[in-house]
PDB file of N, CA and C in Angstrom:
ATOM      1  N   MET A   1      -9.413 -42.826  17.951  1.00  0.00           N
ATOM      2  CA  MET A   1     -10.801 -42.464  18.122  1.00  0.00           C
ATOM      3  C   MET A   1     -10.905 -41.364  19.171  1.00  0.00           C
ATOM      4  N   ASN A   2     -11.879 -40.449  18.986  1.00  0.00           N
ATOM      5  CA  ASN A   2     -12.052 -39.308  19.868  1.00  0.00           C
ATOM      6  C   ASN A   2     -12.952 -39.602  21.064  1.00  0.00           C
ATOM      7  N   GLU A   3     -13.446 -40.807  21.223  1.00  0.00           N
ATOM      8  CA  GLU A   3     -14.408 -41.081  22.284  1.00  0.00           C
ATOM      9  C   GLU A   3     -13.868 -42.075  23.297  1.00  0.00           C
ATOM     10  N   GLN A   4     -14.311 -41.910  24.553  1.00  0.00           N
ATOM     11  CA  GLN A   4     -13.991 -42.886  25.590  1.00  0.00           C
ATOM     12  C   GLN A   4     -14.945 -44.077  25.425  1.00  0.00           C
ATOM     13  N   ASN A   5     -14.861 -45.030  26.326  1.00  0.00           N
ATOM     14  CA  ASN A   5     -15.711 -46.218  26.265  1.00  0.00           C
ATOM     15  C   ASN A   5     -17.201 -45.899  26.329  1.00  0.00           C
ATOM     16  N   PHE A   6     -17.587 -44.825  26.981  1.00  0.00           N
ATOM     17  CA  PHE A   6     -19.007 -44.525  27.174  1.00  0.00           C
ATOM     18  C   PHE A   6     -19.567 -43.576  26.108  1.00  0.00           C
ATOM     19  N   GLY A   7     -18.848 -43.341  25.021  1.00  0.00           N
ATOM     20  CA  GLY A   7     -19.328 -42.495  23.943  1.00  0.00           C
ATOM     21  C   GLY A   7     -19.192 -41.008  24.197  1.00  0.00           C
ATOM     22  N   VAL A   8     -18.426 -40.644  25.217  1.00  0.00           N
ATOM     23  CA  VAL A   8     -18.206 -39.232  25.531  1.00  0.00           C
ATOM     24  C   VAL A   8     -16.956 -38.759  24.797  1.00  0.00           C
ATOM     25  N   PRO A   9     -17.057 -37.693  24.004  1.00  0.00           N
ATOM     26  CA  PRO A   9     -15.870 -37.210  23.282  1.00  0.00           C
ATOM     27  C   PRO A   9     -14.783 -36.746  24.247  1.00  0.00           C
ATOM     28  N   THR A  10     -13.539 -37.058  23.942  1.00  0.00           N
ATOM     29  CA  THR A  10     -12.399 -36.619  24.753  1.00  0.00           C
ATOM     30  C   THR A  10     -11.728 -35.404  24.124  1.00  0.00           C
ATOM     31  N   ASP A  11     -11.817 -35.263  22.826  1.00  0.00           N
ATOM     32  CA  ASP A  11     -11.237 -34.136  22.105  1.00  0.00           C
ATOM     33  C   ASP A  11     -12.347 -33.452  21.306  1.00  0.00           C
ATOM     34  N   PRO A  12     -12.223 -32.142  21.118  1.00  0.00           N
ATOM     35  CA  PRO A  12     -13.220 -31.491  20.266  1.00  0.00           C
ATOM     36  C   PRO A  12     -13.069 -32.005  18.830  1.00  0.00           C
ATOM     37  N   PRO A  13     -14.139 -32.019  18.079  1.00  0.00           N
ATOM     38  CA  PRO A  13     -14.024 -32.484  16.701  1.00  0.00           C
ATOM     39  C   PRO A  13     -13.109 -31.561  15.902  1.00  0.00           C
ATOM     40  N   GLU A  14     -12.391 -32.113  14.958  1.00  0.00           N
ATOM     41  CA  GLU A  14     -11.479 -31.335  14.128  1.00  0.00           C
ATOM     42  C   GLU A  14     -12.288 -30.430  13.214  1.00  0.00           C
ATOM     43  N   GLU A  15     -11.930 -29.149  13.214  1.00  0.00           N
ATOM     44  CA  GLU A  15     -12.627 -28.188  12.367  1.00  0.00           C
ATOM     45  C   GLU A  15     -12.202 -28.395  10.918  1.00  0.00           C
ATOM     46  N   LYS A  16     -13.170 -28.432  10.038  1.00  0.00           N
ATOM     47  CA  LYS A  16     -12.889 -28.647   8.619  1.00  0.00           C
ATOM     48  C   LYS A  16     -13.240 -27.388   7.840  1.00  0.00           C
ATOM     49  N   PRO A  17     -12.455 -27.093   6.806  1.00  0.00           N
ATOM     50  CA  PRO A  17     -12.747 -25.906   5.990  1.00  0.00           C
ATOM     51  C   PRO A  17     -14.097 -26.055   5.284  1.00  0.00           C
ATOM     52  N   ILE A  18     -14.769 -24.915   5.139  1.00  0.00           N
ATOM     53  CA  ILE A  18     -16.045 -24.930   4.437  1.00  0.00           C
ATOM     54  C   ILE A  18     -15.937 -24.353   3.025  1.00  0.00           C
ATOM     55  N   LEU A  19     -14.943 -23.488   2.817  1.00  0.00           N
ATOM     56  CA  LEU A  19     -14.694 -22.868   1.512  1.00  0.00           C
ATOM     57  C   LEU A  19     -13.222 -22.514   1.397  1.00  0.00           C
ATOM     58  N   LYS A  20     -12.860 -21.928   0.258  1.00  0.00           N
ATOM     59  CA  LYS A  20     -11.504 -21.400   0.072  1.00  0.00           C
ATOM     60  C   LYS A  20     -11.635 -19.944  -0.352  1.00  0.00           C
ATOM     61  N   ASP A  21     -10.628 -19.153   0.019  1.00  0.00           N
ATOM     62  CA  ASP A  21     -10.680 -17.740  -0.343  1.00  0.00           C
ATOM     63  C   ASP A  21     -10.008 -17.500  -1.684  1.00  0.00           C
ATOM     64  N   TYR A  22      -9.878 -16.250  -2.049  1.00  0.00           N
ATOM     65  CA  TYR A  22      -9.294 -15.803  -3.317  1.00  0.00           C
ATOM     66  C   TYR A  22      -7.921 -16.438  -3.580  1.00  0.00           C
ATOM     67  N   TYR A  23      -7.155 -16.645  -2.525  1.00  0.00           N
ATOM     68  CA  TYR A  23      -5.811 -17.216  -2.643  1.00  0.00           C
ATOM     69  C   TYR A  23      -5.786 -18.731  -2.443  1.00  0.00           C
ATOM     70  N   GLY A  24      -6.933 -19.341  -2.255  1.00  0.00           N
ATOM     71  CA  GLY A  24      -6.986 -20.780  -2.043  1.00  0.00           C
ATOM     72  C   GLY A  24      -6.785 -21.200  -0.596  1.00  0.00           C
ATOM     73  N   ASP A  25      -6.772 -20.234   0.312  1.00  0.00           N
ATOM     74  CA  ASP A  25      -6.609 -20.552   1.733  1.00  0.00           C
ATOM     75  C   ASP A  25      -7.943 -21.025   2.306  1.00  0.00           C
ATOM     76  N   PRO A  26      -7.902 -21.970   3.234  1.00  0.00           N
ATOM     77  CA  PRO A  26      -9.151 -22.523   3.776  1.00  0.00           C
ATOM     78  C   PRO A  26      -9.917 -21.526   4.647  1.00  0.00           C
ATOM     79  N   ILE A  27     -11.224 -21.543   4.481  1.00  0.00           N
ATOM     80  CA  ILE A  27     -12.132 -20.734   5.290  1.00  0.00           C
ATOM     81  C   ILE A  27     -12.876 -21.680   6.223  1.00  0.00           C
ATOM     82  N   TYR A  28     -12.877 -21.333   7.513  1.00  0.00           N
ATOM     83  CA  TYR A  28     -13.567 -22.129   8.534  1.00  0.00           C
ATOM     84  C   TYR A  28     -14.804 -21.372   9.005  1.00  0.00           C
ATOM     85  N   LEU A  29     -15.660 -22.039   9.751  1.00  0.00           N
ATOM     86  CA  LEU A  29     -16.880 -21.420  10.248  1.00  0.00           C
ATOM     87  C   LEU A  29     -16.611 -20.155  11.046  1.00  0.00           C
ATOM     88  N   ASN A  30     -15.510 -20.100  11.776  1.00  0.00           N
ATOM     89  CA  ASN A  30     -15.209 -18.929  12.605  1.00  0.00           C
ATOM     90  C   ASN A  30     -14.269 -17.925  11.922  1.00  0.00           C
ATOM     91  N   SER A  31     -13.982 -18.094  10.636  1.00  0.00           N
ATOM     92  CA  SER A  31     -13.099 -17.180   9.905  1.00  0.00           C
ATOM     93  C   SER A  31     -13.809 -15.865   9.610  1.00  0.00           C
ATOM     94  N   THR A  32     -13.057 -14.766   9.654  1.00  0.00           N
ATOM     95  CA  THR A  32     -13.578 -13.479   9.208  1.00  0.00           C
ATOM     96  C   THR A  32     -13.233 -13.336   7.737  1.00  0.00           C
ATOM     97  N   VAL A  33     -14.272 -13.124   6.937  1.00  0.00           N
ATOM     98  CA  VAL A  33     -14.117 -13.107   5.481  1.00  0.00           C
ATOM     99  C   VAL A  33     -14.755 -11.845   4.923  1.00  0.00           C
ATOM    100  N   TYR A  34     -14.120 -11.282   3.908  1.00  0.00           N
ATOM    101  CA  TYR A  34     -14.660 -10.135   3.190  1.00  0.00           C
ATOM    102  C   TYR A  34     -15.048 -10.593   1.787  1.00  0.00           C
ATOM    103  N   ILE A  35     -16.087  -9.987   1.255  1.00  0.00           N
ATOM    104  CA  ILE A  35     -16.567 -10.360  -0.078  1.00  0.00           C
ATOM    105  C   ILE A  35     -16.414  -9.153  -0.992  1.00  0.00           C
ATOM    106  N   ASN A  36     -15.802  -9.375  -2.149  1.00  0.00           N
ATOM    107  CA  ASN A  36     -15.740  -8.323  -3.152  1.00  0.00           C
ATOM    108  C   ASN A  36     -15.997  -8.943  -4.522  1.00  0.00           C
ATOM    109  N   SER A  37     -15.812  -8.177  -5.569  1.00  0.00           N
ATOM    110  CA  SER A  37     -16.114  -8.671  -6.922  1.00  0.00           C
ATOM    111  C   SER A  37     -15.196  -9.819  -7.346  1.00  0.00           C
ATOM    112  N   ASN A  38     -14.052  -9.971  -6.671  1.00  0.00           N
ATOM    113  CA  ASN A  38     -13.129 -11.068  -6.993  1.00  0.00           C
ATOM    114  C   ASN A  38     -13.425 -12.331  -6.198  1.00  0.00           C
ATOM    115  N   GLY A  39     -14.297 -12.261  -5.218  1.00  0.00           N
ATOM    116  CA  GLY A  39     -14.642 -13.434  -4.422  1.00  0.00           C
ATOM    117  C   GLY A  39     -14.480 -13.186  -2.941  1.00  0.00           C
ATOM    118  N   LEU A  40     -14.126 -14.248  -2.232  1.00  0.00           N
ATOM    119  CA  LEU A  40     -13.966 -14.201  -0.780  1.00  0.00           C
ATOM    120  C   LEU A  40     -12.515 -13.922  -0.428  1.00  0.00           C
ATOM    121  N   LEU A  41     -12.321 -13.145   0.624  1.00  0.00           N
ATOM    122  CA  LEU A  41     -10.972 -12.785   1.043  1.00  0.00           C
ATOM    123  C   LEU A  41     -10.873 -12.873   2.551  1.00  0.00           C
ATOM    124  N   LEU A  42      -9.987 -13.747   3.031  1.00  0.00           N
ATOM    125  CA  LEU A  42      -9.760 -13.878   4.471  1.00  0.00           C
ATOM    126  C   LEU A  42      -9.126 -12.605   5.022  1.00  0.00           C
ATOM    127  N   GLU A  43      -9.470 -12.291   6.264  1.00  0.00           N
ATOM    128  CA  GLU A  43      -8.942 -11.084   6.900  1.00  0.00           C
ATOM    129  C   GLU A  43      -7.411 -11.066   6.888  1.00  0.00           C
ATOM    130  N   GLN A  44      -6.786 -12.218   7.136  1.00  0.00           N
ATOM    131  CA  GLN A  44      -5.318 -12.240   7.178  1.00  0.00           C
ATOM    132  C   GLN A  44      -4.679 -12.037   5.796  1.00  0.00           C
ATOM    133  N   ASN A  45      -5.479 -12.028   4.734  1.00  0.00           N
ATOM    134  CA  ASN A  45      -4.944 -11.796   3.394  1.00  0.00           C
ATOM    135  C   ASN A  45      -5.216 -10.380   2.883  1.00  0.00           C
ATOM    136  N   LEU A  46      -5.788  -9.523   3.715  1.00  0.00           N
ATOM    137  CA  LEU A  46      -6.099  -8.154   3.280  1.00  0.00           C
ATOM    138  C   LEU A  46      -4.848  -7.363   2.877  1.00  0.00           C
ATOM    139  N   GLU A  47      -3.790  -7.466   3.665  1.00  0.00           N
ATOM    140  CA  GLU A  47      -2.563  -6.721   3.344  1.00  0.00           C
ATOM    141  C   GLU A  47      -1.975  -7.209   2.022  1.00  0.00           C
ATOM    142  N   ARG A  48      -1.902  -8.507   1.840  1.00  0.00           N
ATOM    143  CA  ARG A  48      -1.377  -9.089   0.595  1.00  0.00           C
ATOM    144  C   ARG A  48      -2.201  -8.624  -0.601  1.00  0.00           C
ATOM    145  N   TYR A  49      -3.516  -8.685  -0.474  1.00  0.00           N
ATOM    146  CA  TYR A  49      -4.416  -8.283  -1.548  1.00  0.00           C
ATOM    147  C   TYR A  49      -4.210  -6.803  -1.892  1.00  0.00           C
ATOM    148  N   SER A  50      -4.095  -5.969  -0.861  1.00  0.00           N
ATOM    149  CA  SER A  50      -3.906  -4.531  -1.063  1.00  0.00           C
ATOM    150  C   SER A  50      -2.587  -4.234  -1.776  1.00  0.00           C
ATOM    151  N   LYS A  51      -1.525  -4.880  -1.338  1.00  0.00           N
ATOM    152  CA  LYS A  51      -0.208  -4.663  -1.963  1.00  0.00           C
ATOM    153  C   LYS A  51      -0.234  -5.078  -3.430  1.00  0.00           C
ATOM    154  N   GLU A  52      -0.821  -6.225  -3.728  1.00  0.00           N
ATOM    155  CA  GLU A  52      -0.895  -6.693  -5.110  1.00  0.00           C
ATOM    156  C   GLU A  52      -1.744  -5.748  -5.954  1.00  0.00           C
ATOM    157  N   TYR A  53      -2.829  -5.260  -5.393  1.00  0.00           N
ATOM    158  CA  TYR A  53      -3.693  -4.316  -6.110  1.00  0.00           C
ATOM    159  C   TYR A  53      -2.915  -3.065  -6.492  1.00  0.00           C
ATOM    160  N   VAL A  54      -2.222  -2.485  -5.522  1.00  0.00           N
ATOM    161  CA  VAL A  54      -1.489  -1.238  -5.764  1.00  0.00           C
ATOM    162  C   VAL A  54      -0.342  -1.457  -6.744  1.00  0.00           C
ATOM    163  N   GLU A  55       0.354  -2.587  -6.639  1.00  0.00           N
ATOM    164  CA  GLU A  55       1.478  -2.864  -7.547  1.00  0.00           C
ATOM    165  C   GLU A  55       1.042  -2.914  -9.005  1.00  0.00           C
ATOM    166  N   GLU A  56      -0.186  -3.329  -9.262  1.00  0.00           N
ATOM    167  CA  GLU A  56      -0.664  -3.468 -10.636  1.00  0.00           C
ATOM    168  C   GLU A  56      -1.180  -2.163 -11.233  1.00  0.00           C
ATOM    169  N   LEU A  57      -1.347  -1.128 -10.419  1.00  0.00           N
ATOM    170  CA  LEU A  57      -1.868   0.145 -10.901  1.00  0.00           C
ATOM    171  C   LEU A  57      -0.828   0.929 -11.684  1.00  0.00           C
ATOM    172  N   THR A  58      -1.298   1.676 -12.656  1.00  0.00           N
ATOM    173  CA  THR A  58      -0.432   2.666 -13.291  1.00  0.00           C
ATOM    174  C   THR A  58      -0.387   3.878 -12.367  1.00  0.00           C
ATOM    175  N   ALA A  59       0.523   4.790 -12.620  1.00  0.00           N
ATOM    176  CA  ALA A  59       0.610   6.003 -11.800  1.00  0.00           C
ATOM    177  C   ALA A  59      -0.692   6.797 -11.897  1.00  0.00           C
ATOM    178  N   GLY A  60      -1.267   6.865 -13.076  1.00  0.00           N
ATOM    179  CA  GLY A  60      -2.526   7.587 -13.259  1.00  0.00           C
ATOM    180  C   GLY A  60      -3.668   6.956 -12.479  1.00  0.00           C
ATOM    181  N   GLU A  61      -3.752   5.629 -12.503  1.00  0.00           N
ATOM    182  CA  GLU A  61      -4.795   4.926 -11.756  1.00  0.00           C
ATOM    183  C   GLU A  61      -4.623   5.125 -10.256  1.00  0.00           C
ATOM    184  N   ALA A  62      -3.380   5.055  -9.785  1.00  0.00           N
ATOM    185  CA  ALA A  62      -3.109   5.267  -8.362  1.00  0.00           C
ATOM    186  C   ALA A  62      -3.495   6.683  -7.959  1.00  0.00           C
ATOM    187  N   ASN A  63      -3.165   7.651  -8.805  1.00  0.00           N
ATOM    188  CA  ASN A  63      -3.515   9.039  -8.547  1.00  0.00           C
ATOM    189  C   ASN A  63      -5.034   9.197  -8.468  1.00  0.00           C
ATOM    190  N   GLU A  64      -5.759   8.575  -9.385  1.00  0.00           N
ATOM    191  CA  GLU A  64      -7.217   8.660  -9.397  1.00  0.00           C
ATOM    192  C   GLU A  64      -7.819   8.017  -8.138  1.00  0.00           C
ATOM    193  N   ASP A  65      -7.293   6.860  -7.755  1.00  0.00           N
ATOM    194  CA  ASP A  65      -7.774   6.192  -6.536  1.00  0.00           C
ATOM    195  C   ASP A  65      -7.542   7.063  -5.305  1.00  0.00           C
ATOM    196  N   LEU A  66      -6.368   7.684  -5.233  1.00  0.00           N
ATOM    197  CA  LEU A  66      -6.078   8.572  -4.098  1.00  0.00           C
ATOM    198  C   LEU A  66      -7.065   9.731  -4.041  1.00  0.00           C
ATOM    199  N   ARG A  67      -7.323  10.337  -5.180  1.00  0.00           N
ATOM    200  CA  ARG A  67      -8.261  11.465  -5.229  1.00  0.00           C
ATOM    201  C   ARG A  67      -9.645  11.051  -4.754  1.00  0.00           C
ATOM    202  N   GLU A  68     -10.054   9.822  -5.084  1.00  0.00           N
ATOM    203  CA  GLU A  68     -11.387   9.341  -4.719  1.00  0.00           C
ATOM    204  C   GLU A  68     -11.527   9.053  -3.228  1.00  0.00           C
ATOM    205  N   VAL A  69     -10.477   8.531  -2.600  1.00  0.00           N
ATOM    206  CA  VAL A  69     -10.606   8.087  -1.215  1.00  0.00           C
ATOM    207  C   VAL A  69     -10.163   9.107  -0.176  1.00  0.00           C
ATOM    208  N   MET A  70      -9.386  10.106  -0.576  1.00  0.00           N
ATOM    209  CA  MET A  70      -8.872  11.073   0.384  1.00  0.00           C
ATOM    210  C   MET A  70      -9.644  12.376   0.322  1.00  0.00           C
ATOM    211  N   LEU A  71      -9.655  13.071   1.448  1.00  0.00           N
ATOM    212  CA  LEU A  71     -10.170  14.434   1.454  1.00  0.00           C
ATOM    213  C   LEU A  71      -9.224  15.295   0.628  1.00  0.00           C
ATOM    214  N   PRO A  72      -9.719  16.352  -0.005  1.00  0.00           N
ATOM    215  CA  PRO A  72      -8.832  17.202  -0.809  1.00  0.00           C
ATOM    216  C   PRO A  72      -7.609  17.695  -0.044  1.00  0.00           C
ATOM    217  N   SER A  73      -7.781  18.064   1.218  1.00  0.00           N
ATOM    218  CA  SER A  73      -6.636  18.557   1.997  1.00  0.00           C
ATOM    219  C   SER A  73      -5.621  17.439   2.248  1.00  0.00           C
ATOM    220  N   GLU A  74      -6.097  16.216   2.478  1.00  0.00           N
ATOM    221  CA  GLU A  74      -5.192  15.074   2.677  1.00  0.00           C
ATOM    222  C   GLU A  74      -4.430  14.780   1.390  1.00  0.00           C
ATOM    223  N   TYR A  75      -5.149  14.777   0.284  1.00  0.00           N
ATOM    224  CA  TYR A  75      -4.545  14.495  -1.018  1.00  0.00           C
ATOM    225  C   TYR A  75      -3.453  15.513  -1.329  1.00  0.00           C
ATOM    226  N   SER A  76      -3.777  16.776  -1.124  1.00  0.00           N
ATOM    227  CA  SER A  76      -2.818  17.847  -1.379  1.00  0.00           C
ATOM    228  C   SER A  76      -1.559  17.655  -0.537  1.00  0.00           C
ATOM    229  N   GLU A  77      -1.734  17.314   0.731  1.00  0.00           N
ATOM    230  CA  GLU A  77      -0.602  17.127   1.632  1.00  0.00           C
ATOM    231  C   GLU A  77       0.287  15.960   1.177  1.00  0.00           C
ATOM    232  N   VAL A  78      -0.331  14.862   0.771  1.00  0.00           N
ATOM    233  CA  VAL A  78       0.430  13.682   0.322  1.00  0.00           C
ATOM    234  C   VAL A  78       1.232  13.999  -0.937  1.00  0.00           C
ATOM    235  N   ILE A  79       0.602  14.669  -1.885  1.00  0.00           N
ATOM    236  CA  ILE A  79       1.270  15.000  -3.147  1.00  0.00           C
ATOM    237  C   ILE A  79       2.427  15.961  -2.904  1.00  0.00           C
ATOM    238  N   LYS A  80       2.198  16.971  -2.086  1.00  0.00           N
ATOM    239  CA  LYS A  80       3.261  17.945  -1.796  1.00  0.00           C
ATOM    240  C   LYS A  80       4.421  17.287  -1.051  1.00  0.00           C
ATOM    241  N   GLU A  81       4.098  16.392  -0.125  1.00  0.00           N
ATOM    242  CA  GLU A  81       5.149  15.695   0.615  1.00  0.00           C
ATOM    243  C   GLU A  81       5.973  14.806  -0.318  1.00  0.00           C
ATOM    244  N   ALA A  82       5.309  14.137  -1.260  1.00  0.00           N
ATOM    245  CA  ALA A  82       6.027  13.289  -2.226  1.00  0.00           C
ATOM    246  C   ALA A  82       6.957  14.134  -3.091  1.00  0.00           C
ATOM    247  N   LEU A  83       6.481  15.297  -3.526  1.00  0.00           N
ATOM    248  CA  LEU A  83       7.312  16.181  -4.342  1.00  0.00           C
ATOM    249  C   LEU A  83       8.515  16.679  -3.563  1.00  0.00           C
ATOM    250  N   LEU A  84       8.303  17.118  -2.340  1.00  0.00           N
ATOM    251  CA  LEU A  84       9.412  17.614  -1.530  1.00  0.00           C
ATOM    252  C   LEU A  84      10.435  16.507  -1.272  1.00  0.00           C
ATOM    253  N   THR A  85       9.961  15.307  -0.997  1.00  0.00           N
ATOM    254  CA  THR A  85      10.870  14.172  -0.792  1.00  0.00           C
ATOM    255  C   THR A  85      11.716  13.945  -2.037  1.00  0.00           C
ATOM    256  N   TRP A  86      11.097  14.009  -3.210  1.00  0.00           N
ATOM    257  CA  TRP A  86      11.843  13.822  -4.455  1.00  0.00           C
ATOM    258  C   TRP A  86      12.891  14.914  -4.615  1.00  0.00           C
ATOM    259  N   ILE A  87      12.502  16.153  -4.351  1.00  0.00           N
ATOM    260  CA  ILE A  87      13.446  17.271  -4.479  1.00  0.00           C
ATOM    261  C   ILE A  87      14.634  17.075  -3.548  1.00  0.00           C
ATOM    262  N   VAL A  88      14.392  16.719  -2.311  1.00  0.00           N
ATOM    263  CA  VAL A  88      15.465  16.516  -1.338  1.00  0.00           C
ATOM    264  C   VAL A  88      16.351  15.357  -1.768  1.00  0.00           C
ATOM    265  N   ASP A  89      15.751  14.254  -2.193  1.00  0.00           N
ATOM    266  CA  ASP A  89      16.516  13.066  -2.565  1.00  0.00           C
ATOM    267  C   ASP A  89      17.319  13.236  -3.851  1.00  0.00           C
ATOM    268  N   ASN A  90      16.850  14.101  -4.756  1.00  0.00           N
ATOM    269  CA  ASN A  90      17.499  14.234  -6.059  1.00  0.00           C
ATOM    270  C   ASN A  90      18.250  15.532  -6.246  1.00  0.00           C
ATOM    271  N   GLY A  91      18.227  16.364  -5.248  1.00  0.00           N
ATOM    272  CA  GLY A  91      18.993  17.607  -5.313  1.00  0.00           C
ATOM    273  C   GLY A  91      18.111  18.802  -5.612  1.00  0.00           C
ATOM    274  N   TYR A  92      18.238  19.795  -4.780  1.00  0.00           N
ATOM    275  CA  TYR A  92      17.441  21.010  -4.934  1.00  0.00           C
ATOM    276  C   TYR A  92      17.718  21.686  -6.272  1.00  0.00           C
ATOM    277  N   ALA A  93      18.983  21.776  -6.623  1.00  0.00           N
ATOM    278  CA  ALA A  93      19.365  22.481  -7.848  1.00  0.00           C
ATOM    279  C   ALA A  93      18.803  21.787  -9.085  1.00  0.00           C
ATOM    280  N   LYS A  94      18.785  20.469  -9.089  1.00  0.00           N
ATOM    281  CA  LYS A  94      18.296  19.728 -10.251  1.00  0.00           C
ATOM    282  C   LYS A  94      16.835  20.055 -10.533  1.00  0.00           C
ATOM    283  N   PHE A  95      16.013  20.058  -9.503  1.00  0.00           N
ATOM    284  CA  PHE A  95      14.583  20.309  -9.699  1.00  0.00           C
ATOM    285  C   PHE A  95      14.339  21.705 -10.255  1.00  0.00           C
ATOM    286  N   PHE A  96      15.049  22.695  -9.718  1.00  0.00           N
ATOM    287  CA  PHE A  96      14.842  24.072 -10.138  1.00  0.00           C
ATOM    288  C   PHE A  96      15.738  24.454 -11.316  1.00  0.00           C
ATOM    289  N   ASP A  97      16.461  23.473 -11.830  1.00  0.00           N
ATOM    290  CA  ASP A  97      17.351  23.670 -12.980  1.00  0.00           C
ATOM    291  C   ASP A  97      18.343  24.801 -12.711  1.00  0.00           C
ATOM    292  N   LEU A  98      18.960  24.753 -11.523  1.00  0.00           N
ATOM    293  CA  LEU A  98      19.923  25.768 -11.110  1.00  0.00           C
ATOM    294  C   LEU A  98      21.338  25.315 -11.440  1.00  0.00           C
ATOM    295  N   VAL A  99      22.184  26.263 -11.804  1.00  0.00           N
ATOM    296  CA  VAL A  99      23.579  25.983 -12.125  1.00  0.00           C
ATOM    297  C   VAL A  99      24.438  26.594 -11.027  1.00  0.00           C
ATOM    298  N   PRO A 100      25.307  25.781 -10.405  1.00  0.00           N
ATOM    299  CA  PRO A 100      26.128  26.334  -9.321  1.00  0.00           C
ATOM    300  C   PRO A 100      27.210  27.280  -9.862  1.00  0.00           C
ATOM    301  N   LYS A 101      27.440  28.336  -9.146  1.00  0.00           N
ATOM    302  CA  LYS A 101      28.497  29.306  -9.467  1.00  0.00           C
ATOM    303  C   LYS A 101      29.218  29.658  -8.181  1.00  0.00           C
ATOM    304  N   LYS A 102      30.446  30.011  -8.285  1.00  0.00           N
ATOM    305  CA  LYS A 102      31.219  30.493  -7.142  1.00  0.00           C
ATOM    306  C   LYS A 102      30.992  31.997  -6.997  1.00  0.00           C
ATOM    307  N   GLY A 103      31.040  32.464  -5.774  1.00  0.00           N
ATOM    308  CA  GLY A 103      30.834  33.884  -5.516  1.00  0.00           C
ATOM    309  C   GLY A 103      31.748  34.779  -6.323  1.00  0.00           C
ATOM    310  N   GLU A 104      32.997  34.354  -6.496  1.00  0.00           N
ATOM    311  CA  GLU A 104      33.953  35.190  -7.236  1.00  0.00           C
ATOM    312  C   GLU A 104      33.529  35.377  -8.683  1.00  0.00           C
ATOM    313  N   MET A 105      32.845  34.380  -9.249  1.00  0.00           N
ATOM    314  CA  MET A 105      32.379  34.502 -10.629  1.00  0.00           C
ATOM    315  C   MET A 105      31.279  35.552 -10.719  1.00  0.00           C
ATOM    316  N   LEU A 106      30.475  35.659  -9.682  1.00  0.00           N
ATOM    317  CA  LEU A 106      29.403  36.653  -9.680  1.00  0.00           C
ATOM    318  C   LEU A 106      29.969  38.064  -9.606  1.00  0.00           C
ATOM    319  N   VAL A 107      30.998  38.229  -8.776  1.00  0.00           N
ATOM    320  CA  VAL A 107      31.621  39.542  -8.631  1.00  0.00           C
ATOM    321  C   VAL A 107      32.222  39.973  -9.958  1.00  0.00           C
ATOM    322  N   GLU A 108      32.905  39.064 -10.626  1.00  0.00           N
ATOM    323  CA  GLU A 108      33.539  39.410 -11.915  1.00  0.00           C
ATOM    324  C   GLU A 108      32.507  39.714 -12.985  1.00  0.00           C
ATOM    325  N   SER A 109      31.420  38.965 -13.003  1.00  0.00           N
ATOM    326  CA  SER A 109      30.406  39.205 -14.031  1.00  0.00           C
ATOM    327  C   SER A 109      29.724  40.550 -13.808  1.00  0.00           C
ATOM    328  N   ARG A 110      29.611  41.023 -12.555  1.00  0.00           N
ATOM    329  CA  ARG A 110      29.006  42.333 -12.285  1.00  0.00           C
ATOM    330  C   ARG A 110      29.965  43.458 -12.702  1.00  0.00           C
ATOM    331  N   ARG A 111      31.264  43.209 -12.622  1.00  0.00           N
ATOM    332  CA  ARG A 111      32.261  44.220 -13.008  1.00  0.00           C
ATOM    333  C   ARG A 111      32.234  44.464 -14.502  1.00  0.00           C
ATOM    334  N   ASN A 112      31.849  43.450 -15.249  1.00  0.00           N
ATOM    335  CA  ASN A 112      31.869  43.573 -16.708  1.00  0.00           C
ATOM    336  C   ASN A 112      30.655  44.348 -17.225  1.00  0.00           C
ATOM    337  N   TYR A 113      29.742  44.729 -16.363  1.00  0.00           N
ATOM    338  CA  TYR A 113      28.571  45.489 -16.818  1.00  0.00           C
ATOM    339  C   TYR A 113      28.863  46.932 -16.915  1.00  0.00           C
TER     340      TYR A 113
END
C-alpha cells in the first residue's frame, strides 16, 4: 500500500498510460506526441518513423519529396554531391566512358597520320 497509517501517501501514484502511439508504445499524460494522418507518434519514435518512411519510397518519390522540402540551391547541392560521390566511388573513367591508353600508344598513333 502507498499510504502510511494516517492516509498520507508515501510514494507518488504510479503513472498509467492514457493511449498508445502508432507503434503501440504507451502514451502518458506528460508524453510529447505528434499527430499525423497515421495517428499519434511519440517524440522518441520520430527517427524510426522517418527511416521507415524513407525506406519505402521509390527513387522518384524521394526525389519529389526532396524538391518539395529543400530550397532549389540546397537541392542542387545535394544532387551534385551525390553524383560526384558516385563518380569517385565508381571510377572517373567509367562515368565519362573513358578508355585508358599509355602515352607511347598516343605517340605512335600520331606518327601514323
